[in-house]
Amino acid sequence: MKKLTLKIIPILSLLLLCFGITTTFAANESVTYQGHVEDYGWMDYVKDGAPAGTTGEAKRVEALRINLTGVSEDSHIVYSPHVEDYGWMDYVQDDQVAGTTGESKRVEAFKIYLTGPVSQTHDVYYRCHVSDFGWLGWAKNDQVAGTSGYAKRMEAIEIRLVPKDQPAPGPTGNPAMEKASIDSHNYGTNDTTGVSTSAYVTTLGWQDPVVNGTTSGTEGQSLPVEAIKAQINNLDGDIIYNTYLRNYGWQTMTGSNQPSGITDSDIHIEALQFGLTGNIANQYNLFYRTHVANIGWMGWAKNGEVAGTSGYDLPVE
């Protein structure tokens, strides 16, 4: 008598076999990535939107590896870093190292895109956590994420694959801050071309004008700014600005080196707005930030956004 051998087959597979059908079940598309971080070296791989790097530790990301899983062999992920002293480096792909190790160079920005069949079904989204800026908006498909020209370190990055018919994983505004801007447009340190500002400081009076991103006011002396003046030099357009004053609120928008604020009054500025007019407004973004009592340097605002505080009686310094 022959032995009867029994073999358990999953019901779905059994049904398919009965009808002569064979099938292959595809894995879910996924992105994995690994950061090389100051003082830590290569950290563990993370995936699908988890942060690679650190936040709140002031540690620079120095390099990154990115890879895809669950995709066809002819699908690839391609990426390029913007690195301190090097600028944009060559694109690499599929878990190759982008950036540097052992050179103490910060990554400042990233571009990432997909090729092959996966690029027809998915977008790749990514965003950077940058020193002094925090999390920026989401970029996608070879857009720039991060900063260049600000000497700011990228501290962490999140990357996600998103099906073409699905929305972005979060806000997409301002994924990058690239400084082809007034205060660093290849002007010499003695060139007055660009934006010039002057502050009226308690006990010190009007300070000499400074240009192209130099600090106006004081730091560490607990001396409030009471008024400001600003102008555009040697470019086609003008700067406009407004101040929020203690007990008075927002003043009237002014420009062309006219003072905004009240001098000799013990009424300090708590917040500021700046903008551009004329042709220059079509060519440049204007970025600015404030050093505020008890807080220190705050994040960058741009093009009419408010920089500073209101209602806390904290002077801009």
C-alpha atoms as a PDB file:
ATOM      1  CA  MET A   1       0.000   0.000   0.000  1.00  0.00           C
ATOM      2  CA  LYS A   2       1.323   3.421  -0.952  1.00  0.00           C
ATOM      3  CA  LYS A   3       1.680   6.102   1.650  1.00  0.00           C
ATOM      4  CA  LEU A   4      -0.623   9.073   1.364  1.00  0.00           C
ATOM      5  CA  THR A   5       1.296  12.312   1.838  1.00  0.00           C
ATOM      6  CA  LEU A   6      -0.743  15.367   2.809  1.00  0.00           C
ATOM      7  CA  LYS A   7       0.456  18.923   2.178  1.00  0.00           C
ATOM      8  CA  ILE A   8      -1.314  21.991   3.452  1.00  0.00           C
ATOM      9  CA  ILE A   9      -1.705  24.676   0.777  1.00  0.00           C
ATOM     10  CA  PRO A  10      -3.150  28.094   1.550  1.00  0.00           C
ATOM     11  CA  ILE A  11      -6.729  28.307   0.260  1.00  0.00           C
ATOM     12  CA  LEU A  12      -6.056  31.195  -2.123  1.00  0.00           C
ATOM     13  CA  SER A  13      -3.039  29.435  -3.632  1.00  0.00           C
ATOM     14  CA  LEU A  14      -5.025  26.201  -3.946  1.00  0.00           C
ATOM     15  CA  LEU A  15      -7.828  27.928  -5.802  1.00  0.00           C
ATOM     16  CA  LEU A  16      -5.374  29.608  -8.173  1.00  0.00           C
ATOM     17  CA  LEU A  17      -3.652  26.317  -8.868  1.00  0.00           C
ATOM     18  CA  CYS A  18      -6.965  24.650  -9.602  1.00  0.00           C
ATOM     19  CA  PHE A  19      -7.644  27.234 -12.302  1.00  0.00           C
ATOM     20  CA  GLY A  20      -4.097  27.062 -13.638  1.00  0.00           C
ATOM     21  CA  ILE A  21      -3.253  30.608 -12.536  1.00  0.00           C
ATOM     22  CA  THR A  22       0.120  31.673 -11.180  1.00  0.00           C
ATOM     23  CA  THR A  23       0.788  35.005  -9.521  1.00  0.00           C
ATOM     24  CA  THR A  24       3.492  37.065  -7.848  1.00  0.00           C
ATOM     25  CA  PHE A  25       2.636  39.354  -4.955  1.00  0.00           C
ATOM     26  CA  ALA A  26       4.535  42.689  -5.100  1.00  0.00           C
ATOM     27  CA  ALA A  27       6.041  44.157  -1.993  1.00  0.00           C
ATOM     28  CA  ASN A  28       5.135  47.672  -0.896  1.00  0.00           C
ATOM     29  CA  GLU A  29       7.358  50.412  -2.304  1.00  0.00           C
ATOM     30  CA  SER A  30       9.489  51.928   0.442  1.00  0.00           C
ATOM     31  CA  VAL A  31      12.424  54.305   0.908  1.00  0.00           C
ATOM     32  CA  THR A  32      15.148  53.700   3.491  1.00  0.00           C
ATOM     33  CA  TYR A  33      17.913  56.143   4.381  1.00  0.00           C
ATOM     34  CA  GLN A  34      20.807  56.626   6.759  1.00  0.00           C
ATOM     35  CA  GLY A  35      22.553  59.776   7.969  1.00  0.00           C
ATOM     36  CA  HIS A  36      26.185  60.326   8.904  1.00  0.00           C
ATOM     37  CA  VAL A  37      25.988  62.814  11.774  1.00  0.00           C
ATOM     38  CA  GLU A  38      28.583  64.885  13.638  1.00  0.00           C
ATOM     39  CA  ASP A  39      29.931  62.993  16.691  1.00  0.00           C
ATOM     40  CA  TYR A  40      27.753  59.930  15.933  1.00  0.00           C
ATOM     41  CA  GLY A  41      28.969  58.709  12.569  1.00  0.00           C
ATOM     42  CA  TRP A  42      26.578  56.515  10.581  1.00  0.00           C
ATOM     43  CA  MET A  43      23.278  56.215  12.408  1.00  0.00           C
ATOM     44  CA  ASP A  44      20.693  53.455  11.996  1.00  0.00           C
ATOM     45  CA  TYR A  45      18.646  53.267   8.815  1.00  0.00           C
ATOM     46  CA  VAL A  46      15.130  54.716   9.017  1.00  0.00           C
ATOM     47  CA  LYS A  47      12.312  54.561   6.479  1.00  0.00           C
ATOM     48  CA  ASP A  48       9.214  56.202   5.037  1.00  0.00           C
ATOM     49  CA  GLY A  49       9.222  59.669   6.578  1.00  0.00           C
ATOM     50  CA  ALA A  50      11.063  58.998   9.831  1.00  0.00           C
ATOM     51  CA  PRO A  51      13.757  61.617  10.610  1.00  0.00           C
ATOM     52  CA  ALA A  52      17.371  60.726   9.831  1.00  0.00           C
ATOM     53  CA  GLY A  53      19.732  62.826  11.921  1.00  0.00           C
ATOM     54  CA  THR A  54      18.989  64.771  15.077  1.00  0.00           C
ATOM     55  CA  THR A  55      17.000  67.811  16.215  1.00  0.00           C
ATOM     56  CA  GLY A  56      17.743  69.952  19.228  1.00  0.00           C
ATOM     57  CA  GLU A  57      21.370  68.790  19.446  1.00  0.00           C
ATOM     58  CA  ALA A  58      23.026  71.247  17.013  1.00  0.00           C
ATOM     59  CA  LYS A  59      24.636  68.339  15.105  1.00  0.00           C
ATOM     60  CA  ARG A  60      25.350  68.602  11.395  1.00  0.00           C
ATOM     61  CA  VAL A  61      24.482  65.920   8.865  1.00  0.00           C
ATOM     62  CA  GLU A  62      27.643  65.197   6.869  1.00  0.00           C
ATOM     63  CA  ALA A  63      26.466  62.507   4.455  1.00  0.00           C
ATOM     64  CA  LEU A  64      23.443  60.444   3.493  1.00  0.00           C
ATOM     65  CA  ARG A  65      22.618  57.097   1.882  1.00  0.00           C
ATOM     66  CA  ILE A  66      19.188  56.497   0.307  1.00  0.00           C
ATOM     67  CA  ASN A  67      17.743  53.293  -1.135  1.00  0.00           C
ATOM     68  CA  LEU A  68      14.463  51.862  -2.434  1.00  0.00           C
ATOM     69  CA  THR A  69      12.860  48.536  -1.550  1.00  0.00           C
ATOM     70  CA  GLY A  70       9.882  46.757  -3.047  1.00  0.00           C
ATOM     71  CA  VAL A  71      10.519  48.198  -6.522  1.00  0.00           C
ATOM     72  CA  SER A  72      11.644  46.751  -9.844  1.00  0.00           C
ATOM     73  CA  GLU A  73      15.350  46.350 -10.561  1.00  0.00           C
ATOM     74  CA  ASP A  74      15.257  49.143 -13.117  1.00  0.00           C
ATOM     75  CA  SER A  75      13.807  51.662 -10.610  1.00  0.00           C
ATOM     76  CA  HIS A  76      16.310  53.923  -8.879  1.00  0.00           C
ATOM     77  CA  ILE A  77      16.552  56.827  -6.445  1.00  0.00           C
ATOM     78  CA  VAL A  78      19.075  59.538  -7.360  1.00  0.00           C
ATOM     79  CA  TYR A  79      20.310  62.317  -5.064  1.00  0.00           C
ATOM     80  CA  SER A  80      22.783  65.174  -4.677  1.00  0.00           C
ATOM     81  CA  PRO A  81      23.907  67.152  -1.584  1.00  0.00           C
ATOM     82  CA  HIS A  82      24.964  70.784  -1.249  1.00  0.00           C
ATOM     83  CA  VAL A  83      28.042  70.607   1.000  1.00  0.00           C
ATOM     84  CA  GLU A  84      30.031  73.252   2.864  1.00  0.00           C
ATOM     85  CA  ASP A  85      32.962  74.542   0.745  1.00  0.00           C
ATOM     86  CA  TYR A  86      32.023  72.226  -2.158  1.00  0.00           C
ATOM     87  CA  GLY A  87      28.595  73.432  -3.220  1.00  0.00           C
ATOM     88  CA  TRP A  88      26.437  71.014  -5.211  1.00  0.00           C
ATOM     89  CA  MET A  89      28.150  67.647  -5.560  1.00  0.00           C
ATOM     90  CA  ASP A  90      27.637  64.986  -8.249  1.00  0.00           C
ATOM     91  CA  TYR A  91      24.462  62.900  -8.186  1.00  0.00           C
ATOM     92  CA  VAL A  92      24.758  59.359  -6.817  1.00  0.00           C
ATOM     93  CA  GLN A  93      22.106  56.653  -6.495  1.00  0.00           C
ATOM     94  CA  ASP A  94      20.872  53.575  -4.662  1.00  0.00           C
ATOM     95  CA  ASP A  95      22.605  53.612  -1.269  1.00  0.00           C
ATOM     96  CA  GLN A  96      25.796  55.304  -2.448  1.00  0.00           C
ATOM     97  CA  VAL A  97      27.282  57.917  -0.120  1.00  0.00           C
ATOM     98  CA  ALA A  98      26.298  61.524  -0.839  1.00  0.00           C
ATOM     99  CA  GLY A  99      28.381  64.057   1.064  1.00  0.00           C
ATOM    100  CA  THR A 100      31.623  63.606   2.977  1.00  0.00           C
ATOM    101  CA  THR A 101      32.877  61.735   6.026  1.00  0.00           C
ATOM    102  CA  GLY A 102      35.921  62.581   8.101  1.00  0.00           C
ATOM    103  CA  GLU A 103      36.062  66.186   6.823  1.00  0.00           C
ATOM    104  CA  SER A 104      33.694  67.892   9.314  1.00  0.00           C
ATOM    105  CA  LYS A 105      31.723  69.417   6.425  1.00  0.00           C
ATOM    106  CA  ARG A 106      28.046  70.181   6.871  1.00  0.00           C
ATOM    107  CA  VAL A 107      25.381  69.241   4.351  1.00  0.00           C
ATOM    108  CA  GLU A 108      23.232  72.316   3.687  1.00  0.00           C
ATOM    109  CA  ALA A 109      20.678  71.122   1.119  1.00  0.00           C
ATOM    110  CA  PHE A 110      19.506  68.085  -0.888  1.00  0.00           C
ATOM    111  CA  LYS A 111      17.904  67.202  -4.222  1.00  0.00           C
ATOM    112  CA  ILE A 112      16.302  63.785  -4.781  1.00  0.00           C
ATOM    113  CA  TYR A 113      14.436  62.208  -7.700  1.00  0.00           C
ATOM    114  CA  LEU A 114      13.254  58.822  -9.018  1.00  0.00           C
ATOM    115  CA  THR A 115      13.972  57.034 -12.309  1.00  0.00           C
ATOM    116  CA  GLY A 116      12.478  53.966 -13.970  1.00  0.00           C
ATOM    117  CA  PRO A 117       8.967  52.539 -13.450  1.00  0.00           C
ATOM    118  CA  VAL A 118       8.652  53.830  -9.880  1.00  0.00           C
ATOM    119  CA  SER A 119       8.920  57.402 -11.179  1.00  0.00           C
ATOM    120  CA  GLN A 120       5.727  56.828 -13.188  1.00  0.00           C
ATOM    121  CA  THR A 121       3.711  55.780 -10.146  1.00  0.00           C
ATOM    122  CA  HIS A 122       5.263  57.737  -7.273  1.00  0.00           C
ATOM    123  CA  ASP A 123       6.690  61.105  -6.287  1.00  0.00           C
ATOM    124  CA  VAL A 124       9.520  61.383  -3.779  1.00  0.00           C
ATOM    125  CA  TYR A 125       8.976  64.041  -1.122  1.00  0.00           C
ATOM    126  CA  TYR A 126      11.630  65.246   1.340  1.00  0.00           C
ATOM    127  CA  ARG A 127      12.200  68.050   3.819  1.00  0.00           C
ATOM    128  CA  CYS A 128      15.135  69.306   5.879  1.00  0.00           C
ATOM    129  CA  HIS A 129      15.552  70.450   9.462  1.00  0.00           C
ATOM    130  CA  VAL A 130      18.029  73.343   9.319  1.00  0.00           C
ATOM    131  CA  SER A 131      19.816  75.197  12.115  1.00  0.00           C
ATOM    132  CA  ASP A 132      18.009  78.441  13.081  1.00  0.00           C
ATOM    133  CA  PHE A 133      15.172  77.650  10.629  1.00  0.00           C
ATOM    134  CA  GLY A 134      13.783  74.340  11.911  1.00  0.00           C
ATOM    135  CA  TRP A 135      11.709  72.166   9.577  1.00  0.00           C
ATOM    136  CA  LEU A 136      11.277  73.693   6.122  1.00  0.00           C
ATOM    137  CA  GLY A 137       8.495  72.776   3.685  1.00  0.00           C
ATOM    138  CA  TRP A 138       8.360  69.584   1.632  1.00  0.00           C
ATOM    139  CA  ALA A 139      10.179  69.496  -1.719  1.00  0.00           C
ATOM    140  CA  LYS A 140       9.669  66.826  -4.385  1.00  0.00           C
ATOM    141  CA  ASN A 141      11.249  65.330  -7.508  1.00  0.00           C
ATOM    142  CA  ASP A 142      14.611  67.128  -7.705  1.00  0.00           C
ATOM    143  CA  GLN A 143      13.497  70.388  -6.108  1.00  0.00           C
ATOM    144  CA  VAL A 144      15.978  71.928  -3.661  1.00  0.00           C
ATOM    145  CA  ALA A 145      15.319  71.294   0.042  1.00  0.00           C
ATOM    146  CA  GLY A 146      17.435  73.127   2.626  1.00  0.00           C
ATOM    147  CA  THR A 147      19.564  76.247   2.301  1.00  0.00           C
ATOM    148  CA  SER A 148      22.549  77.546   0.384  1.00  0.00           C
ATOM    149  CA  GLY A 149      24.493  80.706   1.030  1.00  0.00           C
ATOM    150  CA  TYR A 150      23.504  80.944   4.702  1.00  0.00           C
ATOM    151  CA  ALA A 151      26.191  78.703   6.228  1.00  0.00           C
ATOM    152  CA  LYS A 152      23.443  76.735   8.000  1.00  0.00           C
ATOM    153  CA  ARG A 153      23.766  73.046   8.765  1.00  0.00           C
ATOM    154  CA  MET A 154      21.171  70.473   7.825  1.00  0.00           C
ATOM    155  CA  GLU A 155      20.452  68.588  11.041  1.00  0.00           C
ATOM    156  CA  ALA A 156      17.886  66.027   9.873  1.00  0.00           C
ATOM    157  CA  ILE A 157      15.931  64.936   6.796  1.00  0.00           C
ATOM    158  CA  GLU A 158      12.656  63.111   6.205  1.00  0.00           C
ATOM    159  CA  ILE A 159      11.923  61.275   2.920  1.00  0.00           C
ATOM    160  CA  ARG A 160       8.704  59.659   1.692  1.00  0.00           C
ATOM    161  CA  LEU A 161       7.399  57.939  -1.416  1.00  0.00           C
ATOM    162  CA  VAL A 162       3.895  59.159  -2.246  1.00  0.00           C
ATOM    163  CA  PRO A 163       1.654  57.673  -4.974  1.00  0.00           C
ATOM    164  CA  LYS A 164       1.019  60.105  -7.829  1.00  0.00           C
ATOM    165  CA  ASP A 165      -2.661  60.522  -6.940  1.00  0.00           C
ATOM    166  CA  GLN A 166      -1.972  61.320  -3.273  1.00  0.00           C
ATOM    167  CA  PRO A 167      -1.308  64.748  -1.679  1.00  0.00           C
ATOM    168  CA  ALA A 168       2.006  65.878  -0.234  1.00  0.00           C
ATOM    169  CA  PRO A 169       2.756  64.657   3.301  1.00  0.00           C
ATOM    170  CA  GLY A 170       2.693  68.222   4.639  1.00  0.00           C
ATOM    171  CA  PRO A 171       3.070  71.924   3.760  1.00  0.00           C
ATOM    172  CA  THR A 172       5.117  72.530   0.618  1.00  0.00           C
ATOM    173  CA  GLY A 173       5.788  76.248   1.071  1.00  0.00           C
ATOM    174  CA  ASN A 174       9.418  77.402   1.325  1.00  0.00           C
ATOM    175  CA  PRO A 175      11.249  74.048   1.072  1.00  0.00           C
ATOM    176  CA  ALA A 176      14.462  75.902   0.219  1.00  0.00           C
ATOM    177  CA  MET A 177      16.157  79.166   1.070  1.00  0.00           C
ATOM    178  CA  GLU A 178      18.797  79.899  -1.531  1.00  0.00           C
ATOM    179  CA  LYS A 179      20.726  83.083  -1.067  1.00  0.00           C
ATOM    180  CA  ALA A 180      21.056  84.552  -4.504  1.00  0.00           C
ATOM    181  CA  SER A 181      19.833  87.489  -2.465  1.00  0.00           C
ATOM    182  CA  ILE A 182      20.677  91.083  -1.809  1.00  0.00           C
ATOM    183  CA  ASP A 183      22.981  90.562   1.145  1.00  0.00           C
ATOM    184  CA  SER A 184      25.297  88.034  -0.531  1.00  0.00           C
ATOM    185  CA  HIS A 185      25.170  88.588  -4.261  1.00  0.00           C
ATOM    186  CA  ASN A 186      28.923  88.570  -4.805  1.00  0.00           C
ATOM    187  CA  TYR A 187      29.321  92.144  -3.642  1.00  0.00           C
ATOM    188  CA  GLY A 188      32.576  92.974  -1.879  1.00  0.00           C
ATOM    189  CA  THR A 189      32.527  93.715   1.827  1.00  0.00           C
ATOM    190  CA  ASN A 190      33.225  97.377   1.064  1.00  0.00           C
ATOM    191  CA  ASP A 191      30.561  97.613  -1.641  1.00  0.00           C
ATOM    192  CA  THR A 192      27.449  99.553  -0.604  1.00  0.00           C
ATOM    193  CA  THR A 193      25.329  97.888  -3.305  1.00  0.00           C
ATOM    194  CA  GLY A 194      22.376  96.096  -1.742  1.00  0.00           C
ATOM    195  CA  VAL A 195      20.408  96.839   1.411  1.00  0.00           C
ATOM    196  CA  SER A 196      21.653  99.362   3.994  1.00  0.00           C
ATOM    197  CA  THR A 197      20.177  99.588   7.505  1.00  0.00           C
ATOM    198  CA  SER A 198      20.715 101.760  10.568  1.00  0.00           C
ATOM    199  CA  ALA A 199      19.318 101.397  14.091  1.00  0.00           C
ATOM    200  CA  TYR A 200      18.641 103.977  16.794  1.00  0.00           C
ATOM    201  CA  VAL A 201      19.723 102.265  20.019  1.00  0.00           C
ATOM    202  CA  THR A 202      18.877 103.356  23.557  1.00  0.00           C
ATOM    203  CA  THR A 203      21.757 105.443  25.055  1.00  0.00           C
ATOM    204  CA  LEU A 204      23.776 105.074  21.815  1.00  0.00           C
ATOM    205  CA  GLY A 205      21.634 106.977  19.324  1.00  0.00           C
ATOM    206  CA  TRP A 206      21.841 106.384  15.586  1.00  0.00           C
ATOM    207  CA  GLN A 207      24.449 103.816  14.600  1.00  0.00           C
ATOM    208  CA  ASP A 208      26.405 103.934  11.372  1.00  0.00           C
ATOM    209  CA  PRO A 209      24.645 102.221   8.435  1.00  0.00           C
ATOM    210  CA  VAL A 210      25.590  98.607   7.735  1.00  0.00           C
ATOM    211  CA  VAL A 211      25.127  96.713   4.476  1.00  0.00           C
ATOM    212  CA  ASN A 212      24.475  93.248   3.106  1.00  0.00           C
ATOM    213  CA  GLY A 213      23.461  91.198   6.128  1.00  0.00           C
ATOM    214  CA  THR A 214      25.688  92.785   8.783  1.00  0.00           C
ATOM    215  CA  THR A 215      24.059  93.107  12.224  1.00  0.00           C
ATOM    216  CA  SER A 216      22.445  96.451  13.027  1.00  0.00           C
ATOM    217  CA  GLY A 217      21.991  97.134  16.742  1.00  0.00           C
ATOM    218  CA  THR A 218      23.699  95.389  19.640  1.00  0.00           C
ATOM    219  CA  GLU A 219      23.863  91.923  21.150  1.00  0.00           C
ATOM    220  CA  GLY A 220      24.396  91.065  24.816  1.00  0.00           C
ATOM    221  CA  GLN A 221      24.124  94.676  26.049  1.00  0.00           C
ATOM    222  CA  SER A 222      20.363  94.782  26.841  1.00  0.00           C
ATOM    223  CA  LEU A 223      19.963  97.911  24.717  1.00  0.00           C
ATOM    224  CA  PRO A 224      16.618  98.162  22.853  1.00  0.00           C
ATOM    225  CA  VAL A 225      16.251  99.442  19.321  1.00  0.00           C
ATOM    226  CA  GLU A 226      13.889 102.442  19.220  1.00  0.00           C
ATOM    227  CA  ALA A 227      13.887 103.238  15.492  1.00  0.00           C
ATOM    228  CA  ILE A 228      15.278 102.020  12.167  1.00  0.00           C
ATOM    229  CA  LYS A 229      16.111 103.362   8.714  1.00  0.00           C
ATOM    230  CA  ALA A 230      16.793 101.353   5.569  1.00  0.00           C
ATOM    231  CA  GLN A 231      17.426 101.900   1.880  1.00  0.00           C
ATOM    232  CA  ILE A 232      18.410 100.084  -1.305  1.00  0.00           C
ATOM    233  CA  ASN A 233      21.656 101.201  -2.940  1.00  0.00           C
ATOM    234  CA  ASN A 234      22.501 100.921  -6.652  1.00  0.00           C
ATOM    235  CA  LEU A 235      19.640  98.574  -7.548  1.00  0.00           C
ATOM    236  CA  ASP A 236      16.360  99.221  -9.387  1.00  0.00           C
ATOM    237  CA  GLY A 237      13.805  99.429  -6.606  1.00  0.00           C
ATOM    238  CA  ASP A 238      13.298 100.376  -2.977  1.00  0.00           C
ATOM    239  CA  ILE A 239      12.755  98.892   0.459  1.00  0.00           C
ATOM    240  CA  ILE A 240       9.678  99.529   2.597  1.00  0.00           C
ATOM    241  CA  TYR A 241       9.362  98.756   6.299  1.00  0.00           C
ATOM    242  CA  ASN A 242       7.201  99.045   9.376  1.00  0.00           C
ATOM    243  CA  THR A 243       7.757  98.776  13.138  1.00  0.00           C
ATOM    244  CA  TYR A 244       5.614  97.507  15.993  1.00  0.00           C
ATOM    245  CA  LEU A 245       6.204  99.763  19.015  1.00  0.00           C
ATOM    246  CA  ARG A 246       5.618  99.096  22.673  1.00  0.00           C
ATOM    247  CA  ASN A 247       2.206 100.549  23.687  1.00  0.00           C
ATOM    248  CA  TYR A 248       1.664 101.965  20.182  1.00  0.00           C
ATOM    249  CA  GLY A 249       1.384  98.940  17.918  1.00  0.00           C
ATOM    250  CA  TRP A 250       2.090  99.009  14.192  1.00  0.00           C
ATOM    251  CA  GLN A 251       3.147 102.294  12.646  1.00  0.00           C
ATOM    252  CA  THR A 252       2.691 103.541   9.072  1.00  0.00           C
ATOM    253  CA  MET A 253       4.727 101.771   6.391  1.00  0.00           C
ATOM    254  CA  THR A 254       7.636 103.916   5.209  1.00  0.00           C
ATOM    255  CA  GLY A 255      10.825 103.587   3.164  1.00  0.00           C
ATOM    256  CA  SER A 256      13.688 105.389   1.383  1.00  0.00           C
ATOM    257  CA  ASN A 257      15.782 105.775   4.540  1.00  0.00           C
ATOM    258  CA  GLN A 258      13.012 107.511   6.481  1.00  0.00           C
ATOM    259  CA  PRO A 259      12.962 106.660  10.222  1.00  0.00           C
ATOM    260  CA  SER A 260      10.327 104.290  11.611  1.00  0.00           C
ATOM    261  CA  GLY A 261       9.943 104.402  15.386  1.00  0.00           C
ATOM    262  CA  ILE A 262      10.246 107.052  18.087  1.00  0.00           C
ATOM    263  CA  THR A 263      13.672 108.185  19.268  1.00  0.00           C
ATOM    264  CA  ASP A 264      14.576 109.384  22.785  1.00  0.00           C
ATOM    265  CA  SER A 265      11.302 107.978  24.054  1.00  0.00           C
ATOM    266  CA  ASP A 266      12.015 104.735  25.915  1.00  0.00           C
ATOM    267  CA  ILE A 267       9.532 103.182  23.478  1.00  0.00           C
ATOM    268  CA  HIS A 268      11.199 100.177  21.967  1.00  0.00           C
ATOM    269  CA  ILE A 269      10.543  98.208  18.793  1.00  0.00           C
ATOM    270  CA  GLU A 270       9.074  94.751  19.352  1.00  0.00           C
ATOM    271  CA  ALA A 271       8.634  93.570  15.759  1.00  0.00           C
ATOM    272  CA  LEU A 272       9.492  94.543  12.174  1.00  0.00           C
ATOM    273  CA  GLN A 273       8.322  94.041   8.614  1.00  0.00           C
ATOM    274  CA  PHE A 274      10.358  94.609   5.446  1.00  0.00           C
ATOM    275  CA  GLY A 275       9.459  94.371   1.774  1.00  0.00           C
ATOM    276  CA  LEU A 276      10.714  95.340  -1.679  1.00  0.00           C
ATOM    277  CA  THR A 277       9.159  97.491  -4.394  1.00  0.00           C
ATOM    278  CA  GLY A 278      10.020  98.105  -8.044  1.00  0.00           C
ATOM    279  CA  ASN A 279      11.903  95.756 -10.365  1.00  0.00           C
ATOM    280  CA  ILE A 280      14.029  94.478  -7.517  1.00  0.00           C
ATOM    281  CA  ALA A 281      10.935  92.780  -6.043  1.00  0.00           C
ATOM    282  CA  ASN A 282      10.764  90.545  -9.129  1.00  0.00           C
ATOM    283  CA  GLN A 283      14.421  89.541  -8.877  1.00  0.00           C
ATOM    284  CA  TYR A 284      15.078  89.011  -5.166  1.00  0.00           C
ATOM    285  CA  ASN A 285      13.672  87.750  -1.894  1.00  0.00           C
ATOM    286  CA  LEU A 286      14.404  89.847   1.177  1.00  0.00           C
ATOM    287  CA  PHE A 287      15.222  87.871   4.341  1.00  0.00           C
ATOM    288  CA  TYR A 288      15.572  89.379   7.815  1.00  0.00           C
ATOM    289  CA  ARG A 289      15.574  88.289  11.445  1.00  0.00           C
ATOM    290  CA  THR A 290      15.604  89.876  14.898  1.00  0.00           C
ATOM    291  CA  HIS A 291      17.532  89.413  18.125  1.00  0.00           C
ATOM    292  CA  VAL A 292      14.945  89.757  20.901  1.00  0.00           C
ATOM    293  CA  ALA A 293      15.507  90.264  24.645  1.00  0.00           C
ATOM    294  CA  ASN A 294      15.239  86.999  26.642  1.00  0.00           C
ATOM    295  CA  ILE A 295      14.911  84.994  23.409  1.00  0.00           C
ATOM    296  CA  GLY A 296      17.978  85.705  21.274  1.00  0.00           C
ATOM    297  CA  TRP A 297      18.062  85.289  17.519  1.00  0.00           C
ATOM    298  CA  MET A 298      14.714  84.243  16.081  1.00  0.00           C
ATOM    299  CA  GLY A 299      14.025  82.534  12.768  1.00  0.00           C
ATOM    300  CA  TRP A 300      14.225  84.227   9.400  1.00  0.00           C
ATOM    301  CA  ALA A 301      11.218  86.054   7.955  1.00  0.00           C
ATOM    302  CA  LYS A 302      10.916  87.258   4.369  1.00  0.00           C
ATOM    303  CA  ASN A 303       9.016  89.628   2.083  1.00  0.00           C
ATOM    304  CA  GLY A 304       6.643  91.329   4.518  1.00  0.00           C
ATOM    305  CA  GLU A 305       6.418  88.608   7.151  1.00  0.00           C
ATOM    306  CA  VAL A 306       6.613  89.685  10.806  1.00  0.00           C
ATOM    307  CA  ALA A 307       9.965  89.286  12.585  1.00  0.00           C
ATOM    308  CA  GLY A 308       9.953  89.664  16.363  1.00  0.00           C
ATOM    309  CA  THR A 309       7.160  89.522  18.947  1.00  0.00           C
ATOM    310  CA  SER A 310       4.122  91.551  19.966  1.00  0.00           C
ATOM    311  CA  GLY A 311       2.387  91.826  23.327  1.00  0.00           C
ATOM    312  CA  TYR A 312       5.273  90.415  25.378  1.00  0.00           C
ATOM    313  CA  ASP A 313       7.101  93.699  26.069  1.00  0.00           C
ATOM    314  CA  LEU A 314      10.294  92.187  24.663  1.00  0.00           C
ATOM    315  CA  PRO A 315      12.412  94.708  22.753  1.00  0.00           C
ATOM    316  CA  VAL A 316      14.267  94.052  19.540  1.00  0.00           C
ATOM    317  CA  GLU A 317      17.980  94.511  20.196  1.00  0.00           C
END
